[in-house]
Amino acid sequence: MDKVGQSLLKGAKEALDYARGNIKDKKTHRIKIPKKVSVRTIRNKLHMTRQEFAAHFGFSIRTLEKWEQGIRQPESSARAYLVVIAHNAKAVESALAMSEAS
């Protein structure tokens, strides 16, 4: 078996051990994602219209409207993304621009 296969098997075994509660001396990281995020506050802080915010970060305008009106709350992955945008929008824009170029 090649190195990639061995690495995949090792990772799968570690994941299974973790799921079974058999981890010892392993570092784990828990990420705290807020239950609620104010999309309007983030967007206003960046001085962007809904259209600009949607275009910059890949959201649909209708989704932003629903979030801002309280009709829906962003899912956990979207909340995590929004937190990153709130803390470092320039880095997100740069990363997205780099992915477009490749």
N, C-alpha and C. Protein backbone atom coordinates (compact mmCIF):
# COMPACT_ATOMS: atom_id res chain seq x y z
N MET A 1 0.85 -1.18 0.00
CA MET A 1 0.00 0.00 0.00
C MET A 1 0.89 1.24 0.00
N ASP A 2 0.49 2.24 -0.78
CA ASP A 2 1.29 3.46 -0.86
C ASP A 2 1.08 4.35 0.36
N LYS A 3 1.85 5.44 0.43
CA LYS A 3 1.80 6.33 1.59
C LYS A 3 0.44 7.01 1.74
N VAL A 4 -0.17 7.34 0.63
CA VAL A 4 -1.48 8.00 0.70
C VAL A 4 -2.50 7.05 1.31
N GLY A 5 -2.52 5.81 0.86
CA GLY A 5 -3.44 4.82 1.40
C GLY A 5 -3.22 4.59 2.89
N GLN A 6 -1.94 4.50 3.28
CA GLN A 6 -1.62 4.31 4.70
C GLN A 6 -2.09 5.49 5.53
N SER A 7 -1.90 6.69 4.99
CA SER A 7 -2.33 7.89 5.70
C SER A 7 -3.85 7.93 5.85
N LEU A 8 -4.56 7.55 4.80
CA LEU A 8 -6.02 7.52 4.87
C LEU A 8 -6.51 6.51 5.90
N LEU A 9 -5.89 5.33 5.91
CA LEU A 9 -6.29 4.31 6.90
C LEU A 9 -5.99 4.76 8.32
N LYS A 10 -4.84 5.40 8.51
CA LYS A 10 -4.47 5.90 9.83
C LYS A 10 -5.49 6.94 10.29
N GLY A 11 -5.86 7.86 9.40
CA GLY A 11 -6.83 8.90 9.74
C GLY A 11 -8.19 8.30 10.07
N ALA A 12 -8.60 7.31 9.30
CA ALA A 12 -9.89 6.66 9.56
C ALA A 12 -9.88 5.95 10.91
N LYS A 13 -8.77 5.29 11.25
CA LYS A 13 -8.65 4.61 12.54
C LYS A 13 -8.71 5.62 13.69
N GLU A 14 -8.00 6.73 13.52
CA GLU A 14 -8.03 7.77 14.55
C GLU A 14 -9.43 8.35 14.72
N ALA A 15 -10.14 8.54 13.62
CA ALA A 15 -11.51 9.06 13.70
C ALA A 15 -12.42 8.06 14.41
N LEU A 16 -12.24 6.78 14.12
CA LEU A 16 -13.04 5.75 14.78
C LEU A 16 -12.73 5.70 16.27
N ASP A 17 -11.45 5.76 16.62
CA ASP A 17 -11.07 5.79 18.03
C ASP A 17 -11.67 6.99 18.74
N TYR A 18 -11.66 8.14 18.09
CA TYR A 18 -12.22 9.35 18.67
C TYR A 18 -13.73 9.17 18.89
N ALA A 19 -14.41 8.64 17.88
CA ALA A 19 -15.86 8.45 17.99
C ALA A 19 -16.21 7.49 19.12
N ARG A 20 -15.35 6.52 19.36
CA ARG A 20 -15.59 5.53 20.42
C ARG A 20 -15.14 6.05 21.79
N GLY A 21 -14.50 7.21 21.83
CA GLY A 21 -14.03 7.77 23.09
C GLY A 21 -12.70 7.20 23.55
N ASN A 22 -11.95 6.62 22.63
CA ASN A 22 -10.68 5.98 22.96
C ASN A 22 -9.47 6.85 22.65
N ILE A 23 -9.61 8.14 22.77
CA ILE A 23 -8.46 9.00 22.46
C ILE A 23 -7.68 9.30 23.73
N LYS A 24 -6.40 9.25 23.61
CA LYS A 24 -5.51 9.57 24.73
C LYS A 24 -4.37 10.41 24.17
N ASP A 25 -4.04 11.44 24.89
CA ASP A 25 -2.94 12.32 24.51
C ASP A 25 -3.09 12.88 23.10
N LYS A 26 -4.30 13.11 22.68
CA LYS A 26 -4.56 13.72 21.37
C LYS A 26 -5.12 15.11 21.59
N LYS A 27 -4.65 16.03 20.81
CA LYS A 27 -5.19 17.39 20.88
C LYS A 27 -6.48 17.44 20.08
N THR A 28 -7.48 18.02 20.67
CA THR A 28 -8.72 18.26 19.94
C THR A 28 -9.03 19.75 20.05
N HIS A 29 -9.68 20.23 19.05
CA HIS A 29 -10.03 21.65 19.02
C HIS A 29 -11.54 21.76 18.85
N ARG A 30 -12.13 22.53 19.69
CA ARG A 30 -13.57 22.79 19.56
C ARG A 30 -13.74 24.23 19.12
N ILE A 31 -14.53 24.40 18.14
CA ILE A 31 -14.80 25.73 17.61
C ILE A 31 -16.17 26.16 18.09
N LYS A 32 -16.21 27.33 18.68
CA LYS A 32 -17.48 27.85 19.18
C LYS A 32 -18.09 28.77 18.12
N ILE A 33 -19.19 28.32 17.57
CA ILE A 33 -19.91 29.10 16.57
C ILE A 33 -21.11 29.72 17.27
N PRO A 34 -21.26 31.03 17.16
CA PRO A 34 -22.39 31.67 17.85
C PRO A 34 -23.74 31.15 17.35
N LYS A 35 -24.70 31.11 18.24
CA LYS A 35 -26.05 30.64 17.88
C LYS A 35 -26.75 31.61 16.93
N LYS A 36 -26.46 32.89 17.11
CA LYS A 36 -27.07 33.92 16.27
C LYS A 36 -26.00 34.89 15.80
N VAL A 37 -26.19 35.39 14.58
CA VAL A 37 -25.29 36.37 14.00
C VAL A 37 -26.15 37.45 13.37
N SER A 38 -25.79 38.71 13.60
CA SER A 38 -26.53 39.81 12.99
C SER A 38 -25.88 40.16 11.65
N VAL A 39 -26.48 39.63 10.59
CA VAL A 39 -25.96 39.87 9.25
C VAL A 39 -26.02 41.35 8.91
N ARG A 40 -27.09 42.01 9.29
CA ARG A 40 -27.23 43.44 9.01
C ARG A 40 -26.10 44.24 9.68
N THR A 41 -25.79 43.89 10.91
CA THR A 41 -24.71 44.59 11.62
C THR A 41 -23.38 44.41 10.90
N ILE A 42 -23.10 43.18 10.48
CA ILE A 42 -21.85 42.91 9.76
C ILE A 42 -21.82 43.70 8.45
N ARG A 43 -22.90 43.64 7.72
CA ARG A 43 -22.97 44.33 6.42
C ARG A 43 -22.85 45.84 6.60
N ASN A 44 -23.53 46.38 7.58
CA ASN A 44 -23.45 47.83 7.83
C ASN A 44 -22.05 48.25 8.27
N LYS A 45 -21.40 47.42 9.08
CA LYS A 45 -20.03 47.71 9.52
C LYS A 45 -19.08 47.82 8.32
N LEU A 46 -19.38 47.04 7.29
CA LEU A 46 -18.55 47.06 6.08
C LEU A 46 -19.01 48.13 5.08
N HIS A 47 -20.08 48.86 5.44
CA HIS A 47 -20.63 49.93 4.58
C HIS A 47 -20.98 49.40 3.20
N MET A 48 -21.70 48.26 3.18
CA MET A 48 -22.09 47.64 1.92
C MET A 48 -23.60 47.54 1.83
N THR A 49 -24.09 47.65 0.60
CA THR A 49 -25.49 47.36 0.33
C THR A 49 -25.66 45.84 0.33
N ARG A 50 -26.89 45.39 0.31
CA ARG A 50 -27.12 43.95 0.21
C ARG A 50 -26.51 43.40 -1.07
N GLN A 51 -26.68 44.14 -2.15
CA GLN A 51 -26.15 43.69 -3.44
C GLN A 51 -24.63 43.56 -3.39
N GLU A 52 -23.96 44.55 -2.80
CA GLU A 52 -22.50 44.50 -2.69
C GLU A 52 -22.05 43.34 -1.81
N PHE A 53 -22.69 43.19 -0.68
CA PHE A 53 -22.34 42.12 0.26
C PHE A 53 -22.52 40.76 -0.40
N ALA A 54 -23.63 40.58 -1.08
CA ALA A 54 -23.90 39.32 -1.77
C ALA A 54 -22.86 39.04 -2.84
N ALA A 55 -22.53 40.05 -3.62
CA ALA A 55 -21.55 39.88 -4.70
C ALA A 55 -20.15 39.58 -4.16
N HIS A 56 -19.77 40.25 -3.07
CA HIS A 56 -18.44 40.05 -2.51
C HIS A 56 -18.26 38.67 -1.87
N PHE A 57 -19.31 38.17 -1.22
CA PHE A 57 -19.14 36.99 -0.39
C PHE A 57 -19.95 35.77 -0.81
N GLY A 58 -20.67 35.87 -1.94
CA GLY A 58 -21.32 34.70 -2.50
C GLY A 58 -22.67 34.31 -1.93
N PHE A 59 -23.39 35.26 -1.38
CA PHE A 59 -24.73 34.99 -0.87
C PHE A 59 -25.76 35.47 -1.88
N SER A 60 -26.94 34.89 -1.82
CA SER A 60 -28.03 35.43 -2.65
C SER A 60 -28.66 36.59 -1.86
N ILE A 61 -29.15 37.56 -2.60
CA ILE A 61 -29.77 38.72 -1.97
C ILE A 61 -31.01 38.28 -1.19
N ARG A 62 -31.77 37.36 -1.74
CA ARG A 62 -32.98 36.86 -1.05
C ARG A 62 -32.64 36.22 0.28
N THR A 63 -31.54 35.47 0.32
CA THR A 63 -31.09 34.85 1.58
C THR A 63 -30.73 35.93 2.59
N LEU A 64 -29.99 36.95 2.15
CA LEU A 64 -29.64 38.05 3.05
C LEU A 64 -30.89 38.72 3.61
N GLU A 65 -31.86 38.95 2.75
CA GLU A 65 -33.12 39.58 3.20
C GLU A 65 -33.79 38.74 4.28
N LYS A 66 -33.88 37.44 4.07
CA LYS A 66 -34.52 36.56 5.05
C LYS A 66 -33.76 36.58 6.37
N TRP A 67 -32.42 36.58 6.29
CA TRP A 67 -31.62 36.63 7.52
C TRP A 67 -31.83 37.95 8.24
N GLU A 68 -31.76 39.04 7.50
CA GLU A 68 -31.87 40.36 8.11
C GLU A 68 -33.27 40.63 8.66
N GLN A 69 -34.28 40.07 8.07
CA GLN A 69 -35.65 40.26 8.53
C GLN A 69 -36.02 39.28 9.64
N GLY A 70 -35.12 38.37 9.97
CA GLY A 70 -35.38 37.41 11.03
C GLY A 70 -36.29 36.26 10.61
N ILE A 71 -36.54 36.13 9.33
CA ILE A 71 -37.38 35.03 8.83
C ILE A 71 -36.62 33.71 8.98
N ARG A 72 -35.33 33.77 8.73
CA ARG A 72 -34.47 32.58 8.88
C ARG A 72 -33.17 32.99 9.56
N GLN A 73 -32.52 32.01 10.15
CA GLN A 73 -31.18 32.21 10.71
C GLN A 73 -30.19 31.43 9.85
N PRO A 74 -28.99 31.95 9.67
CA PRO A 74 -27.99 31.21 8.91
C PRO A 74 -27.66 29.87 9.59
N GLU A 75 -27.40 28.86 8.77
CA GLU A 75 -26.94 27.56 9.29
C GLU A 75 -25.56 27.76 9.93
N SER A 76 -25.09 26.77 10.67
CA SER A 76 -23.84 26.91 11.42
C SER A 76 -22.65 27.23 10.52
N SER A 77 -22.56 26.60 9.35
CA SER A 77 -21.42 26.89 8.46
C SER A 77 -21.48 28.33 7.95
N ALA A 78 -22.68 28.82 7.64
CA ALA A 78 -22.82 30.21 7.20
C ALA A 78 -22.50 31.16 8.34
N ARG A 79 -22.91 30.81 9.57
CA ARG A 79 -22.59 31.67 10.73
C ARG A 79 -21.08 31.73 10.94
N ALA A 80 -20.40 30.60 10.78
CA ALA A 80 -18.94 30.60 10.92
C ALA A 80 -18.31 31.49 9.85
N TYR A 81 -18.78 31.38 8.63
CA TYR A 81 -18.29 32.20 7.52
C TYR A 81 -18.55 33.68 7.80
N LEU A 82 -19.73 33.99 8.30
CA LEU A 82 -20.06 35.38 8.61
C LEU A 82 -19.19 35.95 9.73
N VAL A 83 -18.85 35.12 10.71
CA VAL A 83 -17.95 35.57 11.78
C VAL A 83 -16.58 35.92 11.20
N VAL A 84 -16.09 35.09 10.28
CA VAL A 84 -14.80 35.36 9.64
C VAL A 84 -14.89 36.65 8.83
N ILE A 85 -15.97 36.82 8.10
CA ILE A 85 -16.16 38.06 7.34
C ILE A 85 -16.15 39.27 8.27
N ALA A 86 -16.85 39.16 9.39
CA ALA A 86 -16.92 40.27 10.35
C ALA A 86 -15.55 40.63 10.90
N HIS A 87 -14.70 39.64 11.10
CA HIS A 87 -13.40 39.89 11.71
C HIS A 87 -12.31 40.24 10.71
N ASN A 88 -12.43 39.73 9.47
CA ASN A 88 -11.38 40.01 8.50
C ASN A 88 -11.92 39.87 7.08
N ALA A 89 -12.76 40.80 6.69
CA ALA A 89 -13.38 40.76 5.37
C ALA A 89 -12.35 40.82 4.25
N LYS A 90 -11.29 41.57 4.45
CA LYS A 90 -10.25 41.69 3.41
C LYS A 90 -9.60 40.34 3.13
N ALA A 91 -9.34 39.56 4.18
CA ALA A 91 -8.74 38.24 3.99
C ALA A 91 -9.68 37.31 3.23
N VAL A 92 -10.98 37.40 3.53
CA VAL A 92 -11.96 36.58 2.82
C VAL A 92 -12.00 36.99 1.35
N GLU A 93 -12.05 38.29 1.09
CA GLU A 93 -12.07 38.77 -0.28
C GLU A 93 -10.82 38.31 -1.03
N SER A 94 -9.67 38.39 -0.37
CA SER A 94 -8.42 37.97 -0.99
C SER A 94 -8.43 36.47 -1.30
N ALA A 95 -8.89 35.67 -0.36
CA ALA A 95 -8.94 34.23 -0.57
C ALA A 95 -9.90 33.89 -1.70
N LEU A 96 -11.03 34.54 -1.75
CA LEU A 96 -11.99 34.27 -2.81
C LEU A 96 -11.45 34.71 -4.17
N ALA A 97 -10.73 35.82 -4.21
CA ALA A 97 -10.13 36.28 -5.46
C ALA A 97 -9.07 35.31 -5.95
N MET A 98 -8.30 34.75 -5.00
CA MET A 98 -7.27 33.77 -5.36
C MET A 98 -7.90 32.50 -5.92
N SER A 99 -9.03 32.09 -5.36
CA SER A 99 -9.69 30.87 -5.85
C SER A 99 -10.29 31.09 -7.23
N GLU A 100 -10.69 32.32 -7.53
CA GLU A 100 -11.20 32.63 -8.86
C GLU A 100 -10.10 32.55 -9.91
N ALA A 101 -8.89 32.97 -9.51
CA ALA A 101 -7.77 33.01 -10.43
C ALA A 101 -7.27 31.62 -10.80
N SER A 102 -7.50 30.65 -9.94
CA SER A 102 -6.96 29.32 -10.24
C SER A 102 -7.93 28.44 -10.96
